[in-house]
Amino acid sequence: DKTHPIPDLTGYITEGQIILNREIMRRGINPPIDVLQSLSRLKD
């Protein structure tokens, strides 16, 4: 749950997030990084 207090508050303080996805893992993709949901606010 991304709305759980721990990830929710962490997201407010930090500059983005790398999200691992269970469905991507099931398809045999490792590391199962969900690039569409992930974000690095300082990448530019």
All heavy atoms as atom14 arrays in JSON, in Angstrom:
{
  "sequence": "DKTHPIPDLTGYITEGQIILNREIMRRGINPPIDVLQSLSRLKD",
  "atom14_mask": [
    [1, 1, 1, 1, 1, 1, 1, 1, 0, 0, 0, 0, 0, 0],
    [1, 1, 1, 1, 1, 1, 1, 1, 1, 0, 0, 0, 0, 0],
    [1, 1, 1, 1, 1, 1, 1, 0, 0, 0, 0, 0, 0, 0],
    [1, 1, 1, 1, 1, 1, 1, 1, 1, 1, 0, 0, 0, 0],
    [1, 1, 1, 1, 1, 1, 1, 0, 0, 0, 0, 0, 0, 0],
    [1, 1, 1, 1, 1, 1, 1, 1, 0, 0, 0, 0, 0, 0],
    [1, 1, 1, 1, 1, 1, 1, 0, 0, 0, 0, 0, 0, 0],
    [1, 1, 1, 1, 1, 1, 1, 1, 0, 0, 0, 0, 0, 0],
    [1, 1, 1, 1, 1, 1, 1, 1, 0, 0, 0, 0, 0, 0],
    [1, 1, 1, 1, 1, 1, 1, 0, 0, 0, 0, 0, 0, 0],
    [1, 1, 1, 1, 0, 0, 0, 0, 0, 0, 0, 0, 0, 0],
    [1, 1, 1, 1, 1, 1, 1, 1, 1, 1, 1, 1, 0, 0],
    [1, 1, 1, 1, 1, 1, 1, 1, 0, 0, 0, 0, 0, 0],
    [1, 1, 1, 1, 1, 1, 1, 0, 0, 0, 0, 0, 0, 0],
    [1, 1, 1, 1, 1, 1, 1, 1, 1, 0, 0, 0, 0, 0],
    [1, 1, 1, 1, 0, 0, 0, 0, 0, 0, 0, 0, 0, 0],
    [1, 1, 1, 1, 1, 1, 1, 1, 1, 0, 0, 0, 0, 0],
    [1, 1, 1, 1, 1, 1, 1, 1, 0, 0, 0, 0, 0, 0],
    [1, 1, 1, 1, 1, 1, 1, 1, 0, 0, 0, 0, 0, 0],
    [1, 1, 1, 1, 1, 1, 1, 1, 0, 0, 0, 0, 0, 0],
    [1, 1, 1, 1, 1, 1, 1, 1, 0, 0, 0, 0, 0, 0],
    [1, 1, 1, 1, 1, 1, 1, 1, 1, 1, 1, 0, 0, 0],
    [1, 1, 1, 1, 1, 1, 1, 1, 1, 0, 0, 0, 0, 0],
    [1, 1, 1, 1, 1, 1, 1, 1, 0, 0, 0, 0, 0, 0],
    [1, 1, 1, 1, 1, 1, 1, 1, 0, 0, 0, 0, 0, 0],
    [1, 1, 1, 1, 1, 1, 1, 1, 1, 1, 1, 0, 0, 0],
    [1, 1, 1, 1, 1, 1, 1, 1, 1, 1, 1, 0, 0, 0],
    [1, 1, 1, 1, 0, 0, 0, 0, 0, 0, 0, 0, 0, 0],
    [1, 1, 1, 1, 1, 1, 1, 1, 0, 0, 0, 0, 0, 0],
    [1, 1, 1, 1, 1, 1, 1, 1, 0, 0, 0, 0, 0, 0],
    [1, 1, 1, 1, 1, 1, 1, 0, 0, 0, 0, 0, 0, 0],
    [1, 1, 1, 1, 1, 1, 1, 0, 0, 0, 0, 0, 0, 0],
    [1, 1, 1, 1, 1, 1, 1, 1, 0, 0, 0, 0, 0, 0],
    [1, 1, 1, 1, 1, 1, 1, 1, 0, 0, 0, 0, 0, 0],
    [1, 1, 1, 1, 1, 1, 1, 0, 0, 0, 0, 0, 0, 0],
    [1, 1, 1, 1, 1, 1, 1, 1, 0, 0, 0, 0, 0, 0],
    [1, 1, 1, 1, 1, 1, 1, 1, 1, 0, 0, 0, 0, 0],
    [1, 1, 1, 1, 1, 1, 0, 0, 0, 0, 0, 0, 0, 0],
    [1, 1, 1, 1, 1, 1, 1, 1, 0, 0, 0, 0, 0, 0],
    [1, 1, 1, 1, 1, 1, 0, 0, 0, 0, 0, 0, 0, 0],
    [1, 1, 1, 1, 1, 1, 1, 1, 1, 1, 1, 0, 0, 0],
    [1, 1, 1, 1, 1, 1, 1, 1, 0, 0, 0, 0, 0, 0],
    [1, 1, 1, 1, 1, 1, 1, 1, 1, 0, 0, 0, 0, 0],
    [1, 1, 1, 1, 1, 1, 1, 1, 0, 0, 0, 0, 0, 0]
  ],
  "atom14_positions": [
    [[0.83, -1.21, 0.0], [0.0, 0.0, 0.0], [0.87, 1.26, 0.0], [1.52, 1.58, 1.0], [-0.91, -0.02, 1.24], [-1.83, 1.19, 1.32], [-1.9, 1.94, 0.33], [-2.47, 1.37, 2.37], [0.0, 0.0, 0.0], [0.0, 0.0, 0.0], [0.0, 0.0, 0.0], [0.0, 0.0, 0.0], [0.0, 0.0, 0.0], [0.0, 0.0, 0.0]],
    [[0.86, 2.0, -1.11], [1.65, 3.22, -1.22], [1.11, 4.35, -0.35], [1.81, 5.32, -0.08], [1.7, 3.7, -2.68], [2.64, 2.91, -3.55], [2.73, 3.5, -4.95], [1.46, 3.24, -5.73], [1.59, 3.63, -7.16], [0.0, 0.0, 0.0], [0.0, 0.0, 0.0], [0.0, 0.0, 0.0], [0.0, 0.0, 0.0], [0.0, 0.0, 0.0]],
    [[-0.16, 4.23, 0.07], [-0.76, 5.27, 0.89], [-0.56, 5.01, 2.39], [-1.03, 5.79, 3.22], [-2.27, 5.4, 0.61], [-2.94, 4.19, 1.05], [-2.53, 5.61, -0.87], [0.0, 0.0, 0.0], [0.0, 0.0, 0.0], [0.0, 0.0, 0.0], [0.0, 0.0, 0.0], [0.0, 0.0, 0.0], [0.0, 0.0, 0.0], [0.0, 0.0, 0.0]],
    [[0.12, 3.91, 2.73], [0.43, 3.62, 4.13], [1.28, 4.76, 4.69], [2.05, 5.38, 3.96], [1.18, 2.28, 4.22], [1.4, 1.81, 5.61], [2.44, 2.27, 6.4], [0.73, 0.91, 6.38], [2.39, 1.68, 7.58], [1.37, 0.86, 7.59], [0.0, 0.0, 0.0], [0.0, 0.0, 0.0], [0.0, 0.0, 0.0], [0.0, 0.0, 0.0]],
    [[1.13, 5.09, 5.98], [1.86, 6.24, 6.54], [3.37, 6.25, 6.29], [3.95, 7.3, 6.07], [1.56, 6.15, 8.04], [0.25, 5.44, 8.12], [0.21, 4.49, 6.97], [0.0, 0.0, 0.0], [0.0, 0.0, 0.0], [0.0, 0.0, 0.0], [0.0, 0.0, 0.0], [0.0, 0.0, 0.0], [0.0, 0.0, 0.0], [0.0, 0.0, 0.0]],
    [[4.0, 5.07, 6.29], [5.47, 5.05, 6.16], [5.91, 5.49, 4.76], [6.68, 6.45, 4.63], [6.05, 3.66, 6.53], [5.68, 3.31, 7.97], [7.57, 3.66, 6.36], [6.0, 1.88, 8.36], [0.0, 0.0, 0.0], [0.0, 0.0, 0.0], [0.0, 0.0, 0.0], [0.0, 0.0, 0.0], [0.0, 0.0, 0.0], [0.0, 0.0, 0.0]],
    [[5.44, 4.84, 3.66], [5.82, 5.35, 2.34], [5.25, 6.73, 2.05], [5.88, 7.54, 1.36], [5.27, 4.3, 1.37], [4.24, 3.55, 2.13], [4.67, 3.58, 3.55], [0.0, 0.0, 0.0], [0.0, 0.0, 0.0], [0.0, 0.0, 0.0], [0.0, 0.0, 0.0], [0.0, 0.0, 0.0], [0.0, 0.0, 0.0], [0.0, 0.0, 0.0]],
    [[4.07, 7.01, 2.58], [3.42, 8.3, 2.33], [4.27, 9.44, 2.89], [4.58, 10.42, 2.18], [2.03, 8.3, 2.96], [1.21, 9.53, 2.57], [1.38, 10.01, 1.44], [0.42, 10.0, 3.4], [0.0, 0.0, 0.0], [0.0, 0.0, 0.0], [0.0, 0.0, 0.0], [0.0, 0.0, 0.0], [0.0, 0.0, 0.0], [0.0, 0.0, 0.0]],
    [[4.67, 9.34, 4.14], [5.47, 10.4, 4.76], [6.87, 10.45, 4.16], [7.44, 11.53, 3.98], [5.55, 10.17, 6.28], [4.22, 10.26, 7.03], [4.43, 9.98, 8.51], [3.56, 11.62, 6.84], [0.0, 0.0, 0.0], [0.0, 0.0, 0.0], [0.0, 0.0, 0.0], [0.0, 0.0, 0.0], [0.0, 0.0, 0.0], [0.0, 0.0, 0.0]],
    [[7.42, 9.27, 3.83], [8.74, 9.23, 3.2], [8.72, 9.97, 1.87], [9.66, 10.71, 1.54], [9.18, 7.76, 2.99], [9.34, 7.14, 4.27], [10.49, 7.68, 2.23], [0.0, 0.0, 0.0], [0.0, 0.0, 0.0], [0.0, 0.0, 0.0], [0.0, 0.0, 0.0], [0.0, 0.0, 0.0], [0.0, 0.0, 0.0], [0.0, 0.0, 0.0]],
    [[7.65, 9.79, 1.11], [7.52, 10.46, -0.18], [7.5, 11.98, -0.07], [7.97, 12.68, -0.96], [0.0, 0.0, 0.0], [0.0, 0.0, 0.0], [0.0, 0.0, 0.0], [0.0, 0.0, 0.0], [0.0, 0.0, 0.0], [0.0, 0.0, 0.0], [0.0, 0.0, 0.0], [0.0, 0.0, 0.0], [0.0, 0.0, 0.0], [0.0, 0.0, 0.0]],
    [[6.94, 12.49, 1.03], [6.89, 13.94, 1.23], [8.28, 14.53, 1.48], [8.57, 15.66, 1.12], [5.99, 14.29, 2.42], [4.52, 14.27, 2.1], [3.65, 13.41, 2.77], [3.97, 15.12, 1.14], [2.29, 13.39, 2.5], [2.62, 15.1, 0.85], [1.78, 14.24, 1.53], [0.44, 14.21, 1.25], [0.0, 0.0, 0.0], [0.0, 0.0, 0.0]],
    [[9.14, 13.74, 2.16], [10.43, 14.27, 2.6], [11.52, 14.08, 1.55], [12.41, 14.91, 1.41], [10.85, 13.59, 3.93], [9.77, 13.78, 4.99], [12.18, 14.15, 4.43], [9.94, 12.89, 6.21], [0.0, 0.0, 0.0], [0.0, 0.0, 0.0], [0.0, 0.0, 0.0], [0.0, 0.0, 0.0], [0.0, 0.0, 0.0], [0.0, 0.0, 0.0]],
    [[11.44, 12.98, 0.81], [12.52, 12.63, -0.12], [12.26, 13.16, -1.53], [11.22, 13.74, -1.8], [12.7, 11.1, -0.16], [11.44, 10.48, -0.48], [13.17, 10.57, 1.19], [0.0, 0.0, 0.0], [0.0, 0.0, 0.0], [0.0, 0.0, 0.0], [0.0, 0.0, 0.0], [0.0, 0.0, 0.0], [0.0, 0.0, 0.0], [0.0, 0.0, 0.0]],
    [[13.23, 12.93, -2.42], [13.16, 13.49, -3.77], [12.88, 12.41, -4.8], [13.68, 12.14, -5.68], [14.48, 14.22, -4.08], [14.68, 15.43, -3.21], [15.99, 15.43, -2.44], [16.8, 14.52, -2.62], [16.17, 16.36, -1.64], [0.0, 0.0, 0.0], [0.0, 0.0, 0.0], [0.0, 0.0, 0.0], [0.0, 0.0, 0.0], [0.0, 0.0, 0.0]],
    [[11.72, 11.76, -4.65], [11.32, 10.73, -5.59], [11.22, 9.37, -4.93], [11.26, 9.24, -3.7], [0.0, 0.0, 0.0], [0.0, 0.0, 0.0], [0.0, 0.0, 0.0], [0.0, 0.0, 0.0], [0.0, 0.0, 0.0], [0.0, 0.0, 0.0], [0.0, 0.0, 0.0], [0.0, 0.0, 0.0], [0.0, 0.0, 0.0], [0.0, 0.0, 0.0]],
    [[11.11, 8.34, -5.75], [11.07, 6.96, -5.25], [11.29, 5.98, -6.39], [10.9, 6.25, -7.52], [9.74, 6.65, -4.55], [8.51, 6.62, -5.43], [7.95, 8.0, -5.69], [8.05, 8.89, -4.86], [7.36, 8.2, -6.86], [0.0, 0.0, 0.0], [0.0, 0.0, 0.0], [0.0, 0.0, 0.0], [0.0, 0.0, 0.0], [0.0, 0.0, 0.0]],
    [[11.95, 4.87, -6.09], [12.07, 3.73, -7.0], [11.09, 2.68, -6.48], [11.21, 2.25, -5.33], [13.5, 3.15, -7.02], [14.52, 4.23, -7.4], [13.58, 1.96, -7.97], [14.38, 4.77, -8.79], [0.0, 0.0, 0.0], [0.0, 0.0, 0.0], [0.0, 0.0, 0.0], [0.0, 0.0, 0.0], [0.0, 0.0, 0.0], [0.0, 0.0, 0.0]],
    [[10.13, 2.28, -7.3], [9.09, 1.35, -6.85], [9.3, -0.03, -7.47], [9.45, -0.15, -8.69], [7.69, 1.88, -7.2], [7.41, 3.16, -6.4], [6.61, 0.84, -6.91], [6.04, 3.75, -6.59], [0.0, 0.0, 0.0], [0.0, 0.0, 0.0], [0.0, 0.0, 0.0], [0.0, 0.0, 0.0], [0.0, 0.0, 0.0], [0.0, 0.0, 0.0]],
    [[9.33, -1.05, -6.63], [9.39, -2.44, -7.11], [7.98, -2.98, -7.2], [7.16, -2.74, -6.33], [10.24, -3.3, -6.16], [11.67, -2.83, -5.88], [12.45, -3.9, -5.12], [12.4, -2.47, -7.16], [0.0, 0.0, 0.0], [0.0, 0.0, 0.0], [0.0, 0.0, 0.0], [0.0, 0.0, 0.0], [0.0, 0.0, 0.0], [0.0, 0.0, 0.0]],
    [[7.71, -3.73, -8.29], [6.35, -4.15, -8.62], [6.25, -5.67, -8.61], [7.04, -6.36, -9.27], [5.96, -3.58, -9.98], [4.53, -3.86, -10.36], [4.16, -5.0, -10.6], [3.73, -2.81, -10.42], [0.0, 0.0, 0.0], [0.0, 0.0, 0.0], [0.0, 0.0, 0.0], [0.0, 0.0, 0.0], [0.0, 0.0, 0.0], [0.0, 0.0, 0.0]],
    [[5.26, -6.19, -7.88], [5.1, -7.64, -7.77], [4.7, -8.28, -9.1], [5.14, -9.37, -9.44], [4.04, -7.94, -6.69], [4.1, -9.34, -6.15], [3.05, -9.56, -5.09], [3.23, -8.72, -3.92], [4.09, -8.99, -2.95], [4.86, -10.05, -3.02], [4.2, -8.19, -1.89], [0.0, 0.0, 0.0], [0.0, 0.0, 0.0], [0.0, 0.0, 0.0]],
    [[3.87, -7.59, -9.88], [3.42, -8.14, -11.16], [4.59, -8.26, -12.15], [4.69, -9.23, -12.89], [2.32, -7.23, -11.75], [1.74, -7.71, -13.08], [1.19, -9.14, -13.01], [0.6, -9.52, -11.98], [1.38, -9.87, -14.02], [0.0, 0.0, 0.0], [0.0, 0.0, 0.0], [0.0, 0.0, 0.0], [0.0, 0.0, 0.0], [0.0, 0.0, 0.0]],
    [[5.46, -7.27, -12.15], [6.65, -7.34, -13.02], [7.54, -8.49, -12.59], [8.1, -9.21, -13.43], [7.41, -5.99, -12.97], [6.55, -4.89, -13.61], [8.75, -6.09, -13.69], [7.14, -3.49, -13.51], [0.0, 0.0, 0.0], [0.0, 0.0, 0.0], [0.0, 0.0, 0.0], [0.0, 0.0, 0.0], [0.0, 0.0, 0.0], [0.0, 0.0, 0.0]],
    [[7.66, -8.72, -11.28], [8.44, -9.84, -10.77], [7.87, -11.17, -11.23], [8.61, -12.09, -11.59], [8.46, -9.77, -9.23], [9.28, -10.86, -8.57], [11.03, -10.61, -8.8], [11.67, -12.07, -7.96], [0.0, 0.0, 0.0], [0.0, 0.0, 0.0], [0.0, 0.0, 0.0], [0.0, 0.0, 0.0], [0.0, 0.0, 0.0], [0.0, 0.0, 0.0]],
    [[6.53, -11.27, -11.25], [5.88, -12.52, -11.69], [6.21, -12.84, -13.14], [6.2, -14.0, -13.55], [4.36, -12.42, -11.52], [3.88, -12.51, -10.08], [2.39, -12.8, -10.02], [1.89, -12.62, -8.66], [1.19, -11.56, -8.24], [0.92, -10.58, -9.09], [0.77, -11.48, -7.0], [0.0, 0.0, 0.0], [0.0, 0.0, 0.0], [0.0, 0.0, 0.0]],
    [[6.47, -11.81, -13.94], [6.81, -12.03, -15.35], [8.27, -12.37, -15.57], [8.74, -12.46, -16.7], [6.44, -10.79, -16.18], [4.94, -10.5, -16.2], [4.57, -9.65, -17.4], [5.18, -8.33, -17.4], [4.66, -7.26, -16.81], [3.49, -7.35, -16.17], [5.27, -6.09, -16.84], [0.0, 0.0, 0.0], [0.0, 0.0, 0.0], [0.0, 0.0, 0.0]],
    [[9.01, -12.54, -14.46], [10.41, -12.94, -14.56], [11.36, -11.79, -14.82], [12.51, -12.02, -15.23], [0.0, 0.0, 0.0], [0.0, 0.0, 0.0], [0.0, 0.0, 0.0], [0.0, 0.0, 0.0], [0.0, 0.0, 0.0], [0.0, 0.0, 0.0], [0.0, 0.0, 0.0], [0.0, 0.0, 0.0], [0.0, 0.0, 0.0], [0.0, 0.0, 0.0]],
    [[10.92, -10.55, -14.61], [11.78, -9.38, -14.82], [12.43, -9.01, -13.49], [11.74, -8.71, -12.52], [10.98, -8.17, -15.36], [10.14, -8.56, -16.58], [11.91, -7.0, -15.67], [10.94, -9.04, -17.76], [0.0, 0.0, 0.0], [0.0, 0.0, 0.0], [0.0, 0.0, 0.0], [0.0, 0.0, 0.0], [0.0, 0.0, 0.0], [0.0, 0.0, 0.0]],
    [[13.75, -9.06, -13.44], [14.48, -8.78, -12.2], [15.68, -7.89, -12.49], [16.44, -8.21, -13.38], [14.93, -10.1, -11.56], [15.37, -9.93, -10.13], [15.04, -8.96, -9.47], [16.17, -10.87, -9.65], [0.0, 0.0, 0.0], [0.0, 0.0, 0.0], [0.0, 0.0, 0.0], [0.0, 0.0, 0.0], [0.0, 0.0, 0.0], [0.0, 0.0, 0.0]],
    [[15.84, -6.74, -11.83], [15.02, -6.23, -10.72], [13.66, -5.74, -11.22], [13.6, -5.13, -12.29], [15.85, -5.06, -10.17], [16.68, -4.61, -11.34], [16.98, -5.84, -12.13], [0.0, 0.0, 0.0], [0.0, 0.0, 0.0], [0.0, 0.0, 0.0], [0.0, 0.0, 0.0], [0.0, 0.0, 0.0], [0.0, 0.0, 0.0], [0.0, 0.0, 0.0]],
    [[12.59, -5.99, -10.46], [11.24, -5.65, -10.93], [10.9, -4.18, -10.72], [9.95, -3.83, -10.02], [10.35, -6.57, -10.09], [11.1, -6.71, -8.81], [12.56, -6.67, -9.15], [0.0, 0.0, 0.0], [0.0, 0.0, 0.0], [0.0, 0.0, 0.0], [0.0, 0.0, 0.0], [0.0, 0.0, 0.0], [0.0, 0.0, 0.0], [0.0, 0.0, 0.0]],
    [[11.69, -3.28, -11.32], [11.49, -1.83, -11.13], [10.37, -1.35, -12.05], [10.4, -1.57, -13.26], [12.79, -1.07, -11.42], [13.87, -1.47, -10.4], [12.56, 0.45, -11.39], [15.24, -0.86, -10.67], [0.0, 0.0, 0.0], [0.0, 0.0, 0.0], [0.0, 0.0, 0.0], [0.0, 0.0, 0.0], [0.0, 0.0, 0.0], [0.0, 0.0, 0.0]],
    [[9.37, -0.74, -11.46], [8.25, -0.17, -12.21], [8.64, 1.26, -12.61], [8.45, 2.2, -11.86], [7.0, -0.16, -11.34], [5.75, 0.22, -12.11], [5.88, 0.86, -13.17], [4.63, -0.11, -11.65], [0.0, 0.0, 0.0], [0.0, 0.0, 0.0], [0.0, 0.0, 0.0], [0.0, 0.0, 0.0], [0.0, 0.0, 0.0], [0.0, 0.0, 0.0]],
    [[9.2, 1.39, -13.82], [9.74, 2.7, -14.22], [8.64, 3.74, -14.42], [8.9, 4.94, -14.29], [10.6, 2.58, -15.5], [11.81, 1.7, -15.24], [9.81, 2.04, -16.68], [0.0, 0.0, 0.0], [0.0, 0.0, 0.0], [0.0, 0.0, 0.0], [0.0, 0.0, 0.0], [0.0, 0.0, 0.0], [0.0, 0.0, 0.0], [0.0, 0.0, 0.0]],
    [[7.42, 3.31, -14.72], [6.34, 4.27, -14.93], [5.87, 4.89, -13.62], [5.4, 6.03, -13.59], [5.16, 3.61, -15.65], [5.45, 3.07, -17.06], [4.18, 2.47, -17.66], [5.99, 4.16, -17.97], [0.0, 0.0, 0.0], [0.0, 0.0, 0.0], [0.0, 0.0, 0.0], [0.0, 0.0, 0.0], [0.0, 0.0, 0.0], [0.0, 0.0, 0.0]],
    [[5.97, 4.14, -12.53], [5.57, 4.64, -11.22], [6.73, 5.3, -10.47], [6.51, 6.06, -9.54], [5.02, 3.48, -10.37], [3.76, 2.84, -10.9], [2.55, 3.76, -10.79], [2.42, 4.52, -9.84], [1.68, 3.71, -11.77], [0.0, 0.0, 0.0], [0.0, 0.0, 0.0], [0.0, 0.0, 0.0], [0.0, 0.0, 0.0], [0.0, 0.0, 0.0]],
    [[7.95, 5.0, -10.9], [9.13, 5.53, -10.21], [9.43, 6.95, -10.67], [9.0, 7.37, -11.75], [10.34, 4.62, -10.48], [10.1, 3.31, -10.01], [0.0, 0.0, 0.0], [0.0, 0.0, 0.0], [0.0, 0.0, 0.0], [0.0, 0.0, 0.0], [0.0, 0.0, 0.0], [0.0, 0.0, 0.0], [0.0, 0.0, 0.0], [0.0, 0.0, 0.0]],
    [[10.19, 7.65, -9.84], [10.49, 9.04, -10.16], [11.73, 9.48, -9.39], [11.87, 9.21, -8.2], [9.31, 9.94, -9.76], [9.54, 11.46, -9.78], [9.7, 11.94, -11.22], [8.4, 12.2, -9.09], [0.0, 0.0, 0.0], [0.0, 0.0, 0.0], [0.0, 0.0, 0.0], [0.0, 0.0, 0.0], [0.0, 0.0, 0.0], [0.0, 0.0, 0.0]],
    [[12.63, 10.15, -10.1], [13.74, 10.84, -9.46], [13.59, 12.32, -9.77], [13.78, 12.74, -10.91], [15.09, 10.32, -9.96], [16.14, 11.13, -9.49], [0.0, 0.0, 0.0], [0.0, 0.0, 0.0], [0.0, 0.0, 0.0], [0.0, 0.0, 0.0], [0.0, 0.0, 0.0], [0.0, 0.0, 0.0], [0.0, 0.0, 0.0], [0.0, 0.0, 0.0]],
    [[13.23, 13.11, -8.77], [12.92, 14.52, -9.02], [14.15, 15.35, -9.41], [14.01, 16.44, -9.93], [12.27, 15.14, -7.78], [10.89, 14.57, -7.47], [10.15, 15.39, -6.41], [8.86, 14.79, -6.12], [8.61, 14.01, -5.07], [9.58, 13.73, -4.22], [7.42, 13.5, -4.87], [0.0, 0.0, 0.0], [0.0, 0.0, 0.0], [0.0, 0.0, 0.0]],
    [[15.34, 14.82, -9.14], [16.56, 15.57, -9.45], [17.29, 15.03, -10.67], [18.41, 15.45, -10.96], [17.51, 15.55, -8.23], [16.97, 16.17, -6.94], [18.02, 16.09, -5.85], [16.55, 17.62, -7.16], [0.0, 0.0, 0.0], [0.0, 0.0, 0.0], [0.0, 0.0, 0.0], [0.0, 0.0, 0.0], [0.0, 0.0, 0.0], [0.0, 0.0, 0.0]],
    [[16.66, 14.09, -11.4], [17.38, 13.44, -12.5], [17.86, 14.42, -13.55], [18.95, 14.26, -14.11], [16.51, 12.35, -13.13], [15.23, 12.86, -13.78], [14.35, 11.71, -14.24], [13.01, 12.21, -14.76], [12.1, 11.1, -15.09], [0.0, 0.0, 0.0], [0.0, 0.0, 0.0], [0.0, 0.0, 0.0], [0.0, 0.0, 0.0], [0.0, 0.0, 0.0]],
    [[17.08, 15.45, -13.83], [17.47, 16.42, -14.86], [18.73, 17.18, -14.47], [19.41, 17.73, -15.34], [16.33, 17.42, -15.1], [15.1, 16.75, -15.71], [15.28, 15.71, -16.37], [13.98, 17.24, -15.51], [0.0, 0.0, 0.0], [0.0, 0.0, 0.0], [0.0, 0.0, 0.0], [0.0, 0.0, 0.0], [0.0, 0.0, 0.0], [0.0, 0.0, 0.0]]
  ]
}
